N, C-alpha and C. Protein backbone atom coordinates (compact mmCIF):
# COMPACT_ATOMS: atom_id res chain seq x y z
N UNK A 1 0.82 -1.19 0.00
CA UNK A 1 0.00 0.00 0.00
C UNK A 1 0.86 1.25 0.00
N UNK A 2 1.98 1.20 0.72
CA UNK A 2 2.87 2.36 0.77
C UNK A 2 3.48 2.63 -0.60
N UNK A 3 3.78 1.58 -1.35
CA UNK A 3 4.35 1.77 -2.69
C UNK A 3 3.34 2.42 -3.61
N UNK A 4 2.07 2.01 -3.51
CA UNK A 4 1.02 2.61 -4.31
C UNK A 4 0.87 4.09 -3.97
N UNK A 5 0.91 4.40 -2.68
CA UNK A 5 0.82 5.79 -2.23
C UNK A 5 1.98 6.61 -2.80
N UNK A 6 3.19 6.05 -2.74
CA UNK A 6 4.37 6.72 -3.26
C UNK A 6 4.28 6.94 -4.76
N UNK A 7 3.82 5.94 -5.49
CA UNK A 7 3.68 6.07 -6.94
C UNK A 7 2.63 7.11 -7.31
N UNK A 8 1.54 7.15 -6.56
CA UNK A 8 0.50 8.15 -6.82
C UNK A 8 1.05 9.56 -6.59
N UNK A 9 1.83 9.74 -5.52
CA UNK A 9 2.42 11.04 -5.25
C UNK A 9 3.38 11.46 -6.36
N UNK A 10 4.23 10.52 -6.79
CA UNK A 10 5.17 10.82 -7.86
C UNK A 10 4.45 11.22 -9.14
N UNK A 11 3.41 10.47 -9.49
CA UNK A 11 2.65 10.78 -10.70
C UNK A 11 2.00 12.15 -10.61
N UNK A 12 1.40 12.44 -9.47
CA UNK A 12 0.75 13.74 -9.28
C UNK A 12 1.75 14.89 -9.41
N UNK A 13 2.91 14.75 -8.78
CA UNK A 13 3.91 15.81 -8.84
C UNK A 13 4.47 15.95 -10.26
N UNK A 14 4.70 14.85 -10.94
CA UNK A 14 5.21 14.91 -12.31
C UNK A 14 4.19 15.56 -13.23
N UNK A 15 2.91 15.21 -13.08
CA UNK A 15 1.87 15.81 -13.90
C UNK A 15 1.78 17.31 -13.67
N UNK A 16 1.85 17.71 -12.41
CA UNK A 16 1.78 19.13 -12.10
C UNK A 16 3.00 19.86 -12.64
N UNK A 17 4.16 19.25 -12.53
CA UNK A 17 5.39 19.85 -13.06
C UNK A 17 5.29 20.04 -14.57
N UNK A 18 4.79 19.03 -15.27
CA UNK A 18 4.63 19.15 -16.72
C UNK A 18 3.62 20.22 -17.07
N UNK A 19 2.54 20.30 -16.30
CA UNK A 19 1.52 21.32 -16.54
C UNK A 19 2.11 22.72 -16.38
N UNK A 20 2.88 22.92 -15.33
CA UNK A 20 3.49 24.22 -15.08
C UNK A 20 4.48 24.56 -16.18
N UNK A 21 5.33 23.62 -16.55
CA UNK A 21 6.36 23.90 -17.56
C UNK A 21 5.73 24.14 -18.93
N UNK A 22 4.63 23.46 -19.24
CA UNK A 22 3.96 23.67 -20.53
C UNK A 22 3.21 24.99 -20.59
N UNK A 23 2.72 25.44 -19.44
CA UNK A 23 1.94 26.68 -19.43
C UNK A 23 2.82 27.92 -19.51
N UNK A 24 4.05 27.83 -18.99
CA UNK A 24 4.97 28.98 -19.01
C UNK A 24 6.39 28.49 -19.29
N UNK A 25 6.64 27.98 -20.49
CA UNK A 25 7.94 27.34 -20.72
C UNK A 25 9.14 28.29 -20.69
N UNK A 26 8.95 29.55 -21.03
CA UNK A 26 10.12 30.43 -21.10
C UNK A 26 10.34 31.25 -19.83
N UNK A 27 9.31 31.40 -19.01
CA UNK A 27 9.41 32.28 -17.84
C UNK A 27 9.58 31.54 -16.53
N UNK A 28 9.69 30.22 -16.56
CA UNK A 28 9.63 29.45 -15.33
C UNK A 28 10.93 28.72 -15.07
N UNK A 29 11.42 28.85 -13.86
CA UNK A 29 12.59 28.10 -13.43
C UNK A 29 12.10 27.05 -12.44
N UNK A 30 12.05 25.80 -12.90
CA UNK A 30 11.48 24.73 -12.07
C UNK A 30 12.26 24.49 -10.79
N UNK A 31 13.55 24.78 -10.79
CA UNK A 31 14.32 24.59 -9.56
C UNK A 31 13.86 25.57 -8.48
N UNK A 32 13.46 26.77 -8.89
CA UNK A 32 12.93 27.74 -7.92
C UNK A 32 11.58 27.28 -7.41
N UNK A 33 10.74 26.75 -8.30
CA UNK A 33 9.44 26.23 -7.90
C UNK A 33 9.64 25.09 -6.90
N UNK A 34 10.58 24.19 -7.18
CA UNK A 34 10.85 23.07 -6.30
C UNK A 34 11.31 23.56 -4.92
N UNK A 35 12.21 24.53 -4.91
CA UNK A 35 12.73 25.05 -3.64
C UNK A 35 11.62 25.71 -2.82
N UNK A 36 10.76 26.47 -3.48
CA UNK A 36 9.66 27.11 -2.77
C UNK A 36 8.68 26.09 -2.21
N UNK A 37 8.38 25.06 -3.01
CA UNK A 37 7.48 24.00 -2.54
C UNK A 37 8.07 23.32 -1.32
N UNK A 38 9.36 23.05 -1.35
CA UNK A 38 9.99 22.38 -0.21
C UNK A 38 9.93 23.24 1.05
N UNK A 39 10.12 24.54 0.89
CA UNK A 39 10.03 25.44 2.06
C UNK A 39 8.63 25.41 2.66
N UNK A 40 7.60 25.53 1.83
CA UNK A 40 6.23 25.53 2.33
C UNK A 40 5.85 24.18 2.91
N UNK A 41 6.25 23.10 2.24
CA UNK A 41 5.92 21.76 2.76
C UNK A 41 6.57 21.52 4.11
N UNK A 42 7.79 21.98 4.29
CA UNK A 42 8.48 21.82 5.56
C UNK A 42 7.76 22.59 6.66
N UNK A 43 7.36 23.83 6.36
CA UNK A 43 6.61 24.62 7.35
C UNK A 43 5.29 23.95 7.72
N UNK A 44 4.59 23.41 6.72
CA UNK A 44 3.33 22.73 7.00
C UNK A 44 3.55 21.48 7.85
N UNK A 45 4.58 20.71 7.55
CA UNK A 45 4.86 19.50 8.32
C UNK A 45 5.18 19.86 9.77
N UNK A 46 5.97 20.91 9.97
CA UNK A 46 6.31 21.34 11.33
C UNK A 46 5.06 21.81 12.08
N UNK A 47 4.18 22.52 11.39
CA UNK A 47 2.94 22.99 12.03
C UNK A 47 2.06 21.81 12.43
N UNK A 48 2.00 20.80 11.57
CA UNK A 48 1.21 19.61 11.90
C UNK A 48 1.82 18.86 13.09
N UNK A 49 3.12 18.79 13.15
CA UNK A 49 3.78 18.15 14.29
C UNK A 49 3.50 18.92 15.58
N UNK A 50 3.53 20.25 15.50
CA UNK A 50 3.20 21.07 16.68
C UNK A 50 1.77 20.82 17.13
N UNK A 51 0.85 20.73 16.17
CA UNK A 51 -0.55 20.45 16.51
C UNK A 51 -0.69 19.08 17.17
N UNK A 52 0.09 18.10 16.65
CA UNK A 52 0.05 16.76 17.24
C UNK A 52 0.56 16.79 18.68
N UNK A 53 1.62 17.53 18.92
CA UNK A 53 2.16 17.65 20.28
C UNK A 53 1.18 18.35 21.22
N UNK A 54 0.52 19.39 20.72
CA UNK A 54 -0.49 20.08 21.53
C UNK A 54 -1.64 19.15 21.88
N UNK A 55 -2.12 18.39 20.89
CA UNK A 55 -3.22 17.46 21.13
C UNK A 55 -2.80 16.37 22.11
N UNK A 56 -1.56 15.93 21.99
CA UNK A 56 -1.06 14.91 22.91
C UNK A 56 -1.00 15.47 24.34
N UNK A 57 -0.60 16.73 24.46
CA UNK A 57 -0.56 17.38 25.77
C UNK A 57 -1.94 17.51 26.40
N UNK A 58 -2.97 17.61 25.58
CA UNK A 58 -4.35 17.69 26.08
C UNK A 58 -4.95 16.29 26.26
N UNK A 59 -4.15 15.27 26.03
CA UNK A 59 -4.58 13.87 26.14
C UNK A 59 -5.65 13.51 25.11
N UNK A 60 -5.64 14.21 23.99
CA UNK A 60 -6.57 13.90 22.89
C UNK A 60 -5.81 13.02 21.89
N UNK A 61 -5.75 11.74 22.20
CA UNK A 61 -4.94 10.80 21.43
C UNK A 61 -5.39 10.70 19.98
N UNK A 62 -6.69 10.67 19.76
CA UNK A 62 -7.20 10.54 18.39
C UNK A 62 -6.79 11.73 17.53
N UNK A 63 -6.95 12.92 18.08
CA UNK A 63 -6.56 14.13 17.34
C UNK A 63 -5.05 14.16 17.11
N UNK A 64 -4.29 13.77 18.12
CA UNK A 64 -2.83 13.75 17.99
C UNK A 64 -2.40 12.79 16.90
N UNK A 65 -3.03 11.63 16.83
CA UNK A 65 -2.68 10.66 15.80
C UNK A 65 -3.02 11.18 14.41
N UNK A 66 -4.13 11.90 14.29
CA UNK A 66 -4.52 12.49 13.00
C UNK A 66 -3.50 13.52 12.53
N UNK A 67 -3.11 14.42 13.44
CA UNK A 67 -2.13 15.44 13.08
C UNK A 67 -0.79 14.80 12.74
N UNK A 68 -0.40 13.80 13.51
CA UNK A 68 0.87 13.12 13.26
C UNK A 68 0.84 12.42 11.90
N UNK A 69 -0.27 11.75 11.58
CA UNK A 69 -0.39 11.07 10.29
C UNK A 69 -0.28 12.09 9.14
N UNK A 70 -0.92 13.24 9.31
CA UNK A 70 -0.81 14.28 8.28
C UNK A 70 0.62 14.77 8.13
N UNK A 71 1.32 14.93 9.23
CA UNK A 71 2.71 15.39 9.15
C UNK A 71 3.58 14.34 8.45
N UNK A 72 3.29 13.06 8.67
CA UNK A 72 4.06 12.01 8.00
C UNK A 72 3.76 12.00 6.50
N UNK A 73 2.51 12.25 6.12
CA UNK A 73 2.17 12.35 4.69
C UNK A 73 2.92 13.50 4.05
N UNK A 74 2.99 14.62 4.77
CA UNK A 74 3.74 15.76 4.24
C UNK A 74 5.22 15.43 4.10
N UNK A 75 5.78 14.69 5.05
CA UNK A 75 7.18 14.26 4.94
C UNK A 75 7.38 13.36 3.72
N UNK A 76 6.38 12.50 3.43
CA UNK A 76 6.44 11.67 2.23
C UNK A 76 6.48 12.53 0.97
N UNK A 77 5.64 13.56 0.96
CA UNK A 77 5.60 14.46 -0.20
C UNK A 77 6.93 15.20 -0.33
N UNK A 78 7.50 15.62 0.79
CA UNK A 78 8.80 16.29 0.76
C UNK A 78 9.85 15.38 0.14
N UNK A 79 9.84 14.11 0.50
CA UNK A 79 10.80 13.16 -0.07
C UNK A 79 10.61 13.02 -1.58
N UNK A 80 9.34 12.98 -2.02
CA UNK A 80 9.07 12.86 -3.45
C UNK A 80 9.55 14.11 -4.19
N UNK A 81 9.20 15.28 -3.66
CA UNK A 81 9.60 16.53 -4.32
C UNK A 81 11.12 16.67 -4.34
N UNK A 82 11.77 16.27 -3.27
CA UNK A 82 13.23 16.34 -3.19
C UNK A 82 13.89 15.44 -4.22
N UNK A 83 13.28 14.29 -4.48
CA UNK A 83 13.90 13.31 -5.38
C UNK A 83 13.72 13.66 -6.86
N UNK A 84 12.88 14.63 -7.17
CA UNK A 84 12.66 14.99 -8.57
C UNK A 84 13.88 15.73 -9.09
N UNK A 85 14.42 15.24 -10.19
CA UNK A 85 15.59 15.88 -10.80
C UNK A 85 15.10 16.91 -11.81
N UNK A 86 15.45 18.15 -11.57
CA UNK A 86 15.07 19.24 -12.44
C UNK A 86 16.19 19.43 -13.47
N UNK A 87 15.88 19.36 -14.76
CA UNK A 87 16.94 19.58 -15.75
C UNK A 87 17.40 21.03 -15.72
N UNK A 88 18.70 21.20 -15.83
CA UNK A 88 19.25 22.55 -15.84
C UNK A 88 19.02 23.19 -17.21
N UNK A 89 18.68 24.46 -17.22
CA UNK A 89 18.48 25.13 -18.52
C UNK A 89 19.81 25.23 -19.25
N UNK A 90 19.71 25.27 -20.57
CA UNK A 90 20.92 25.41 -21.37
C UNK A 90 21.54 26.77 -21.07
N UNK A 91 22.86 26.79 -20.99
CA UNK A 91 23.52 28.05 -20.69
C UNK A 91 24.50 28.40 -21.80
N UNK A 92 24.94 29.62 -21.78
CA UNK A 92 25.90 30.06 -22.79
C UNK A 92 27.27 29.45 -22.54
N UNK A 93 27.53 28.97 -21.30
CA UNK A 93 28.81 28.34 -21.01
C UNK A 93 29.00 27.08 -21.83
N UNK A 94 27.94 26.30 -22.00
CA UNK A 94 28.03 25.08 -22.79
C UNK A 94 28.33 25.43 -24.24
N UNK A 95 27.66 26.46 -24.77
CA UNK A 95 27.92 26.89 -26.14
C UNK A 95 29.35 27.37 -26.29
N UNK A 96 29.88 28.06 -25.28
CA UNK A 96 31.24 28.57 -25.34
C UNK A 96 32.25 27.44 -25.39
N UNK A 97 32.03 26.39 -24.60
CA UNK A 97 32.95 25.26 -24.59
C UNK A 97 32.91 24.54 -25.93
N UNK A 98 31.70 24.32 -26.46
CA UNK A 98 31.57 23.62 -27.73
C UNK A 98 32.15 24.45 -28.86
N UNK A 99 32.12 25.75 -28.73
CA UNK A 99 32.62 26.63 -29.77
C UNK A 99 34.12 26.83 -29.71
N UNK A 100 34.82 26.13 -28.87
CA UNK A 100 36.27 26.27 -28.80
C UNK A 100 36.74 27.19 -27.70
N UNK A 101 35.84 27.62 -26.83
CA UNK A 101 36.23 28.48 -25.72
C UNK A 101 36.96 27.69 -24.66
N UNK A 102 37.33 28.39 -23.58
CA UNK A 102 38.04 27.72 -22.50
C UNK A 102 37.14 26.71 -21.82
N UNK A 103 37.72 25.59 -21.45
CA UNK A 103 36.97 24.61 -20.67
C UNK A 103 37.68 24.41 -19.35
N UNK A 104 37.00 23.75 -18.43
CA UNK A 104 37.54 23.54 -17.11
C UNK A 104 37.89 22.06 -16.90
N UNK A 105 38.35 21.40 -17.94
CA UNK A 105 38.62 19.99 -17.86
C UNK A 105 39.79 19.67 -16.93
N UNK A 106 40.72 20.57 -16.76
CA UNK A 106 41.89 20.32 -15.93
C UNK A 106 41.61 20.54 -14.44
N UNK A 107 40.48 21.19 -14.13
CA UNK A 107 40.17 21.48 -12.73
C UNK A 107 39.37 20.34 -12.14
N UNK A 108 39.54 20.10 -10.83
CA UNK A 108 38.75 19.04 -10.19
C UNK A 108 37.29 19.45 -10.10
N UNK A 109 36.38 18.47 -10.01
CA UNK A 109 34.96 18.81 -9.92
C UNK A 109 34.65 19.52 -8.60
N UNK A 110 33.66 20.40 -8.64
CA UNK A 110 33.25 21.13 -7.45
C UNK A 110 32.39 20.23 -6.59
N UNK A 111 32.54 20.35 -5.29
CA UNK A 111 31.69 19.60 -4.38
C UNK A 111 30.86 20.55 -3.56
N UNK A 112 29.71 20.05 -3.12
CA UNK A 112 28.81 20.91 -2.33
C UNK A 112 29.19 20.86 -0.87
């Protein structure tokens, strides 16, 4: 059941991503959209966890479990959104290298 849930989330996010990119192909940076979504999803998950803790403090176990389940669903969505690989837009640097410009082949790769 968890795999089905994960696949449904992936499909939904991919469909929405395609819809966004098709509606505004030249004005949209999907990496920015992804980063913004992750920020909001994280805030929502934290708020749901806080609500779960508050309900637990009031001894309202049923409400606490509901809030906690919602926060876990949000964490699942965060994992799906994080795993989506956004293609980098073509840059003039690639054209410069292909056109005989300087390349950075002798330098070691950059690490994060």
